[in-house]
Protein backbone atom coordinates (compact mmCIF):
# COMPACT_ATOMS: atom_id res chain seq x y z
CA UNK A 1 -103.33 -57.54 -21.60
CA UNK A 2 -104.80 -57.95 -18.17
CA UNK A 3 -104.24 -61.71 -18.40
CA UNK A 4 -100.58 -61.22 -19.28
CA UNK A 5 -100.01 -59.05 -16.22
CA UNK A 6 -101.67 -61.61 -14.03
CA UNK A 7 -99.53 -64.38 -15.51
CA UNK A 8 -96.36 -62.38 -14.89
CA UNK A 9 -97.47 -61.60 -11.35
CA UNK A 10 -98.09 -65.28 -10.69
CA UNK A 11 -94.70 -66.22 -12.18
CA UNK A 12 -92.99 -63.53 -10.08
CA UNK A 13 -94.69 -64.78 -6.91
CA UNK A 14 -93.76 -68.35 -7.73
CA UNK A 15 -90.14 -67.38 -8.46
CA UNK A 16 -90.02 -65.40 -5.21
CA UNK A 17 -91.39 -68.37 -3.28
CA UNK A 18 -88.89 -70.70 -4.95
CA UNK A 19 -86.02 -68.35 -4.05
CA UNK A 20 -87.20 -68.30 -0.45
CA UNK A 21 -87.36 -72.09 -0.43
CA UNK A 22 -83.87 -72.35 -1.95
CA UNK A 23 -82.52 -69.89 0.61
CA UNK A 24 -83.98 -71.98 3.43
CA UNK A 25 -82.62 -75.14 1.83
CA UNK A 26 -79.17 -73.57 1.52
CA UNK A 27 -79.17 -72.47 5.16
CA UNK A 28 -80.30 -75.93 6.29
CA UNK A 29 -77.60 -77.58 4.17
CA UNK A 30 -74.91 -75.24 5.55
CA UNK A 31 -76.00 -75.96 9.13
CA UNK A 32 -75.91 -79.73 8.56
CA UNK A 33 -72.49 -79.54 6.88
CA UNK A 34 -71.14 -77.40 9.73
CA UNK A 35 -72.42 -79.91 12.30
CA UNK A 36 -70.95 -82.81 10.35
CA UNK A 37 -67.53 -81.14 10.05
CA UNK A 38 -67.53 -80.27 13.77
CA UNK A 39 -68.34 -83.88 14.67
CA UNK A 40 -65.55 -85.15 12.40
CA UNK A 41 -63.06 -82.71 13.92
CA UNK A 42 -64.21 -83.71 17.40
CA UNK A 43 -63.47 -87.35 16.65
CA UNK A 44 -60.00 -86.46 15.36
CA UNK A 45 -58.94 -85.29 18.82
CA UNK A 46 -57.48 -82.02 17.53
CA UNK A 47 -56.47 -79.10 19.72
CA UNK A 48 -57.54 -75.52 19.36
CA UNK A 49 -55.01 -72.92 18.20
CA UNK A 50 -54.97 -71.21 21.61
CA UNK A 51 -54.08 -74.47 23.36
CA UNK A 52 -51.36 -75.20 20.80
CA UNK A 53 -49.84 -71.73 21.23
CA UNK A 54 -49.88 -72.10 25.03
CA UNK A 55 -48.12 -75.47 24.90
CA UNK A 56 -45.62 -74.14 22.36
CA UNK A 57 -44.79 -71.23 24.69
CA UNK A 58 -44.36 -73.64 27.61
CA UNK A 59 -42.02 -75.81 25.54
CA UNK A 60 -39.93 -72.79 24.51
CA UNK A 61 -39.64 -71.69 28.15
CA UNK A 62 -38.69 -75.21 29.24
CA UNK A 63 -36.02 -75.35 26.53
CA UNK A 64 -34.57 -72.00 27.62
CA UNK A 65 -34.57 -73.13 31.26
CA UNK A 66 -32.86 -76.39 30.31
CA UNK A 67 -30.15 -74.55 28.37
CA UNK A 68 -29.58 -72.22 31.33
CA UNK A 69 -29.30 -75.19 33.69
CA UNK A 70 -26.87 -76.94 31.33
CA UNK A 71 -24.69 -73.82 31.40
CA UNK A 72 -24.78 -73.69 35.19
CA UNK A 73 -23.97 -77.40 35.40
CA UNK A 74 -20.99 -77.00 33.07
CA UNK A 75 -19.70 -74.14 35.21
CA UNK A 76 -20.11 -76.17 38.42
CA UNK A 77 -18.37 -79.17 36.85
CA UNK A 78 -15.47 -76.96 35.72
CA UNK A 79 -15.09 -75.49 39.22
CA UNK A 80 -15.25 -78.97 40.73
CA UNK A 81 -12.59 -80.20 38.34
CA UNK A 82 -10.34 -77.28 39.29
CA UNK A 83 -10.73 -77.81 43.02
CA UNK A 84 -10.27 -81.56 42.86
CA UNK A 85 -7.23 -81.27 40.57
CA UNK A 86 -5.36 -78.87 42.88
CA UNK A 87 -5.47 -81.01 46.06
CA UNK A 88 -4.69 -84.13 44.06
CA UNK A 89 -1.43 -82.56 42.89
CA UNK A 90 -0.44 -81.69 46.47
CA UNK A 91 -1.33 -85.18 47.68
CA UNK A 92 1.03 -86.93 45.32
CA UNK A 93 3.50 -89.05 47.25
CA UNK A 94 7.00 -87.71 47.24
CA UNK A 95 9.57 -89.97 45.62
CA UNK A 96 11.07 -92.38 48.12
CA UNK A 97 14.70 -91.98 48.94
CA UNK A 98 16.77 -95.04 48.52
CA UNK A 99 17.55 -96.72 51.76
CA UNK A 100 21.03 -96.18 53.14
CA UNK A 101 23.30 -99.18 52.78
CA UNK A 102 23.78 -101.06 55.97
């Protein structure tokens, strides 16, 4: 009986040591995989989410500004067309009267 307990104790210690070794192996494997993935992503020249969101916000603002400027330009062009059309009508030459017979 005493020998059986000792055998089970030895097996338990060995299993515990193996679990500790497997845990260390798992952690080492995870660390290496994480490093490898980070290196691959670094070579891909990707941007972080924060940088993407910032650039997207800048593009949206630039688009809104451009649309506002297009509206202002259309209004200025309409006013210019109105002002240049009015003087052109007043500058039209009056029809010439036929010359009196001599």
